Every structure is written in C-alpha cells, then in structure tokens.
Amino acid sequence: MIKTVIIDDEPAVVSIIKYFVKKENLPLDIVATAQRGDEGIKLIKKLNPQLVFLDIKMPVVDGFEVMKSVKDTKFIVITAFESFEYAQKSLRLGAKDIILKPIELQQLTTSINRVMGWKFTSNDTVNDVIQYIHSNYDKKIELKTIAGNLYLSSDYISKLFKTHMGTTINKYINKVRIEKAIELFDNGEKSVKEVAIMTGYDSLNNFYKNFKNTTGKTPAMYISDKNK
C-alpha cells in the first residue's frame, strides 16, 4: 500500500478522495490529513509519506511554500484554478501531476497511475493477482478462479507469487483481510460477526484464528484495548 497524506483546507476534497479510495480499493493508505500548509509540512517530515495530495490555496502556508519546504516527496497538486501559471509553478517546484477540482474518479486514478506507477512488483502477472485480491477480499477467492482469469496454471501462479512476494497467495489474502478488519474495527461499531463477513470469512473460527495469528490478539481483545 502507498503511504499517503492529504493536505487540503476543504473537508469535501478530503472526503471524496477517501471515498474513491475505499470504493475502488485503490492501493493508498491515507495515514493523515491536514487543513493548513504548516501542519502539512510537519506531517510530511514526521510520517515520510510516499505520496501527498496537496492543495495550493490554504491559510497560513500555501501549497507552493509546502513544496519549497519539503524535498524528495511525490506531490499531486489539487487546484480549482485552471491556469498555465499555476501549473508551471507547481511543476517547477516538484509536483508530479495536477488534478482539478471537483475531483473525478477517472482523473484521480489516472494521476495515481502516472505518478506512482501503480505496480506492486516488477512482474505484471503478480501485480494482476494482487489487484484481484485487493478488489475481491470481501468475497470467496479461489486460486483456480485467479488462474482461469489469467489463462495460466495454478501451480505456475503460486510459484511466481511466492518468488516475487516472499509469501503464499493464501497468506497474502489473509493479510489483506485482517488489515481491512482492523480498519473496520477502528472506524466503526461493527460486530465481530459483521466484520468477519465483510472481509470474506465464511467461518467465525477461521476469522478468529487468522486475526489472532496476525495481531497476537483475539478480535474481542483488540476491541477492548481500542475502547480503553
């Protein structure tokens, strides 16, 4: 997942990016947001994100000053101003791409693809498998289905995945599901059963076992610790 920070003083912009990320299972992990440029600079220096969505017009410190203050960061500039001057200055200061408000899904995904490459590994087949898992973790996933979609044998895909990812496909699926389960527990009041279903587990026993193996805690223990 791509560690991402959003710096924009409009809550609606932050909300729409988060909505698209969740709805489309985009490979972004939004670790923090800020509404002012000075706050954004502190977040970038503290968290060292791989990608930053950056507004230009903000109070106290604008987006141009943020880019001047932080180097070696991939910025996608968000602006409501469709002007050559804004674009030229943004690119000169290090912006990798520019998207216009109001943000649309197509321009967002195109921009991420252009800036980040949207590749998990150097192998396109493995990338396709990973993308399939991230898009279908809440459903039943079978290796034969993945193999059939790619017109390859199950054995070949299993070996290729292990070579590039250092783990098996099943272990990776469980990893993605438990990460999503933790996110659901952190962001809402879902029951353990609801979260298990929403992350693709058809058995509560399997969910409990995989959750504890991954986190060292049962779901109940995790929820209890979170609520303290």
Protein backbone atom coordinates (compact mmCIF):
# COMPACT_ATOMS: atom_id res chain seq x y z
CA MET A 1 0.00 0.00 0.00
CA ILE A 2 1.14 3.55 -0.77
CA LYS A 3 1.50 5.68 2.37
CA THR A 4 -0.45 8.84 1.60
CA VAL A 5 -1.11 12.25 3.19
CA ILE A 6 -3.81 14.72 2.09
CA ILE A 7 -3.27 18.45 2.70
CA ASP A 8 -6.36 20.50 1.80
CA ASP A 9 -8.47 23.00 3.71
CA GLU A 10 -11.71 21.76 2.14
CA PRO A 11 -13.16 18.78 4.06
CA ALA A 12 -15.19 17.84 0.97
CA VAL A 13 -12.00 17.24 -1.03
CA VAL A 14 -10.56 15.00 1.68
CA SER A 15 -13.85 13.12 1.90
CA ILE A 16 -14.13 12.49 -1.84
CA ILE A 17 -10.57 11.16 -2.09
CA LYS A 18 -11.20 8.83 0.86
CA TYR A 19 -14.48 7.76 -0.69
CA PHE A 20 -12.88 6.87 -4.04
CA VAL A 21 -10.01 5.04 -2.30
CA LYS A 22 -12.43 2.89 -0.31
CA LYS A 23 -14.98 2.35 -3.07
CA GLU A 24 -12.44 1.39 -5.73
CA ASN A 25 -9.95 -0.36 -3.41
CA LEU A 26 -7.17 1.93 -4.56
CA PRO A 27 -3.78 0.94 -3.11
CA LEU A 28 -3.49 4.04 -0.90
CA ASP A 29 -3.08 4.02 2.87
CA ILE A 30 -4.19 7.51 3.96
CA VAL A 31 -2.25 7.90 7.20
CA ALA A 32 -3.02 11.57 7.95
CA THR A 33 -4.69 14.76 6.72
CA ALA A 34 -4.10 18.46 7.34
CA GLN A 35 -6.06 21.63 6.58
CA ARG A 36 -3.12 24.05 6.69
CA GLY A 37 0.22 24.07 4.93
CA ASP A 38 2.28 24.45 8.11
CA GLU A 39 0.55 21.41 9.62
CA GLY A 40 1.15 19.53 6.37
CA ILE A 41 4.89 20.21 6.47
CA LYS A 42 5.11 18.75 9.97
CA LEU A 43 3.16 15.66 8.90
CA ILE A 44 5.35 15.05 5.87
CA LYS A 45 8.55 15.34 7.90
CA LYS A 46 7.17 13.09 10.63
CA LEU A 47 5.50 10.39 8.51
CA ASN A 48 7.61 10.43 5.33
CA PRO A 49 4.71 9.53 3.02
CA GLN A 50 5.23 8.12 -0.46
CA LEU A 51 2.51 10.35 -1.92
CA VAL A 52 0.98 13.71 -0.94
CA PHE A 53 -2.20 15.26 -2.32
CA LEU A 54 -1.62 18.99 -1.93
CA ASP A 55 -3.96 21.96 -2.29
CA ILE A 56 -2.44 25.28 -3.37
CA LYS A 57 -4.72 27.88 -1.77
CA MET A 58 -4.62 27.30 2.01
CA PRO A 59 -4.44 29.53 5.09
CA VAL A 60 -1.14 30.41 6.83
CA VAL A 61 1.12 28.47 4.42
CA ASP A 62 0.08 27.69 0.85
CA GLY A 63 0.92 24.66 -1.26
CA PHE A 64 3.79 26.36 -3.05
CA GLU A 65 5.51 27.00 0.30
CA VAL A 66 4.95 23.37 1.31
CA MET A 67 6.74 22.16 -1.81
CA LYS A 68 9.59 24.61 -1.20
CA SER A 69 9.97 23.32 2.37
CA VAL A 70 9.88 19.59 1.66
CA LYS A 71 12.07 17.86 -0.90
CA ASP A 72 12.09 14.33 -2.30
CA THR A 73 8.31 13.95 -1.95
CA LYS A 74 5.87 13.00 -4.69
CA PHE A 75 3.14 15.64 -4.84
CA ILE A 76 -0.13 15.54 -6.74
CA VAL A 77 -1.37 19.13 -6.71
CA ILE A 78 -5.09 19.76 -6.30
CA THR A 79 -6.35 23.11 -7.53
CA ALA A 80 -9.52 24.87 -8.61
CA PHE A 81 -7.52 27.20 -10.85
CA GLU A 82 -7.01 26.01 -14.42
CA SER A 83 -4.17 28.33 -15.30
CA PHE A 84 -0.86 27.83 -17.04
CA GLU A 85 0.91 29.92 -14.41
CA TYR A 86 -0.27 27.69 -11.55
CA ALA A 87 0.64 24.55 -13.45
CA GLN A 88 4.07 25.84 -14.44
CA LYS A 89 4.95 26.93 -10.92
CA SER A 90 3.69 23.68 -9.39
CA LEU A 91 5.73 21.53 -11.76
CA ARG A 92 8.80 23.70 -11.27
CA LEU A 93 8.58 23.18 -7.50
CA GLY A 94 8.37 19.40 -7.83
CA ALA A 95 4.73 18.46 -8.41
CA LYS A 96 4.42 15.21 -10.35
CA ASP A 97 0.89 15.87 -11.58
CA ILE A 98 -2.03 18.29 -11.25
CA ILE A 99 -5.72 17.47 -10.89
CA LEU A 100 -8.57 19.98 -10.96
CA LYS A 101 -11.46 20.39 -8.55
CA PRO A 102 -14.06 18.99 -8.43
CA ILE A 103 -12.16 15.70 -8.36
CA GLU A 104 -13.47 12.90 -10.57
CA LEU A 105 -12.61 9.22 -10.22
CA GLN A 106 -11.04 8.87 -13.66
CA GLN A 107 -8.63 11.77 -13.24
CA LEU A 108 -7.73 10.57 -9.74
CA THR A 109 -6.87 7.02 -10.81
CA THR A 110 -5.05 8.22 -13.92
CA SER A 111 -2.97 10.60 -11.83
CA ILE A 112 -2.04 7.95 -9.25
CA ASN A 113 -1.11 5.56 -12.03
CA ARG A 114 1.02 8.21 -13.73
CA VAL A 115 2.83 9.30 -10.55
CA MET A 116 3.23 6.04 -8.64
CA GLY A 117 3.29 3.51 -11.45
CA TRP A 118 0.64 1.56 -9.54
CA LYS A 119 2.81 -1.55 -9.59
CA PHE A 120 3.40 -3.71 -6.54
CA THR A 121 6.21 -5.75 -8.15
CA SER A 122 8.22 -5.86 -11.37
CA ASN A 123 6.05 -8.73 -12.64
CA ASP A 124 2.76 -7.82 -14.34
CA THR A 125 1.14 -11.20 -13.62
CA VAL A 126 1.82 -10.90 -9.89
CA ASN A 127 0.53 -7.32 -9.98
CA ASP A 128 -2.70 -8.60 -11.58
CA VAL A 129 -3.08 -11.22 -8.83
CA ILE A 130 -2.55 -8.62 -6.10
CA GLN A 131 -5.02 -6.22 -7.70
CA TYR A 132 -7.58 -9.02 -7.92
CA ILE A 133 -7.13 -9.82 -4.22
CA HIS A 134 -7.50 -6.18 -3.17
CA SER A 135 -10.66 -5.86 -5.27
CA ASN A 136 -12.25 -9.12 -4.06
CA TYR A 137 -11.02 -9.69 -0.49
CA ASP A 138 -14.64 -9.49 0.75
CA LYS A 139 -15.66 -12.44 -1.45
CA LYS A 140 -14.64 -16.06 -1.74
CA ILE A 141 -11.28 -16.18 -3.55
CA GLU A 142 -10.08 -19.40 -5.15
CA LEU A 143 -6.72 -19.93 -6.79
CA LYS A 144 -8.34 -21.74 -9.72
CA THR A 145 -10.50 -18.67 -10.40
CA ILE A 146 -7.48 -16.37 -10.41
CA ALA A 147 -5.58 -18.79 -12.65
CA GLY A 148 -8.54 -19.07 -15.02
CA ASN A 149 -8.84 -15.30 -15.32
CA LEU A 150 -5.17 -15.10 -16.30
CA TYR A 151 -5.20 -18.22 -18.52
CA LEU A 152 -2.36 -19.74 -16.51
CA SER A 153 -1.98 -22.82 -14.31
CA SER A 154 -2.50 -22.62 -10.56
CA ASP A 155 0.94 -24.10 -9.88
CA TYR A 156 2.67 -21.55 -12.08
CA ILE A 157 0.91 -18.60 -10.44
CA SER A 158 1.62 -19.96 -6.94
CA LYS A 159 5.34 -20.29 -7.61
CA LEU A 160 5.54 -16.92 -9.36
CA PHE A 161 3.75 -15.17 -6.50
CA LYS A 162 5.98 -16.78 -3.85
CA THR A 163 9.10 -15.76 -5.78
CA HIS A 164 8.12 -12.09 -6.03
CA MET A 165 6.23 -11.62 -2.76
CA GLY A 166 8.03 -14.00 -0.41
CA THR A 167 4.73 -15.47 0.80
CA THR A 168 1.91 -17.65 -0.46
CA ILE A 169 -1.24 -16.33 -2.08
CA ASN A 170 -3.41 -17.62 0.79
CA LYS A 171 -1.25 -15.91 3.41
CA TYR A 172 -1.37 -12.68 1.44
CA ILE A 173 -5.17 -12.90 1.17
CA ASN A 174 -5.43 -13.34 4.93
CA LYS A 175 -3.06 -10.42 5.49
CA VAL A 176 -5.20 -8.11 3.35
CA ARG A 177 -8.40 -9.30 5.05
CA ILE A 178 -7.08 -8.81 8.58
CA GLU A 179 -5.77 -5.33 7.68
CA LYS A 180 -9.28 -4.47 6.44
CA ALA A 181 -10.81 -5.99 9.59
CA ILE A 182 -8.62 -3.79 11.79
CA GLU A 183 -9.66 -0.76 9.74
CA LEU A 184 -13.34 -1.65 10.22
CA PHE A 185 -12.91 -2.10 13.98
CA ASP A 186 -11.06 1.22 14.21
CA ASN A 187 -13.57 3.21 12.16
CA GLY A 188 -16.94 1.92 13.34
CA GLU A 189 -19.08 -0.06 15.72
CA LYS A 190 -19.34 -3.24 13.67
CA SER A 191 -19.73 -6.56 15.47
CA VAL A 192 -17.11 -9.28 15.13
CA LYS A 193 -19.50 -11.32 13.00
CA GLU A 194 -20.23 -8.37 10.70
CA VAL A 195 -16.53 -7.66 10.21
CA ALA A 196 -15.81 -11.32 9.51
CA ILE A 197 -18.45 -11.37 6.77
CA MET A 198 -17.31 -8.01 5.33
CA THR A 199 -13.75 -9.31 5.00
CA GLY A 200 -14.63 -12.52 3.19
CA TYR A 201 -14.64 -15.09 6.01
CA ASP A 202 -17.47 -17.63 5.93
CA SER A 203 -16.39 -19.07 9.29
CA LEU A 204 -16.02 -17.17 12.56
CA ASN A 205 -13.49 -19.76 13.72
CA ASN A 206 -11.26 -19.05 10.73
CA PHE A 207 -11.61 -15.30 11.30
CA TYR A 208 -10.67 -15.62 14.99
CA LYS A 209 -7.70 -17.85 14.18
CA ASN A 210 -6.30 -15.63 11.44
CA PHE A 211 -6.91 -12.42 13.40
CA LYS A 212 -5.03 -13.75 16.44
CA ASN A 213 -2.20 -15.19 14.33
CA THR A 214 -1.73 -11.78 12.67
CA THR A 215 -2.25 -9.39 15.59
CA GLY A 216 -1.50 -11.54 18.63
CA LYS A 217 -4.96 -10.72 19.98
CA THR A 218 -8.46 -12.07 19.57
CA PRO A 219 -10.96 -9.66 17.99
CA ALA A 220 -12.60 -9.15 21.39
CA MET A 221 -9.25 -8.29 22.98
CA TYR A 222 -8.45 -5.87 20.16
CA ILE A 223 -11.80 -4.08 20.51
CA SER A 224 -11.43 -3.92 24.30
CA ASP A 225 -7.94 -2.40 24.06
CA LYS A 226 -9.13 0.09 21.43
CA ASN A 227 -12.01 1.28 23.62
CA LYS A 228 -9.86 1.86 26.71
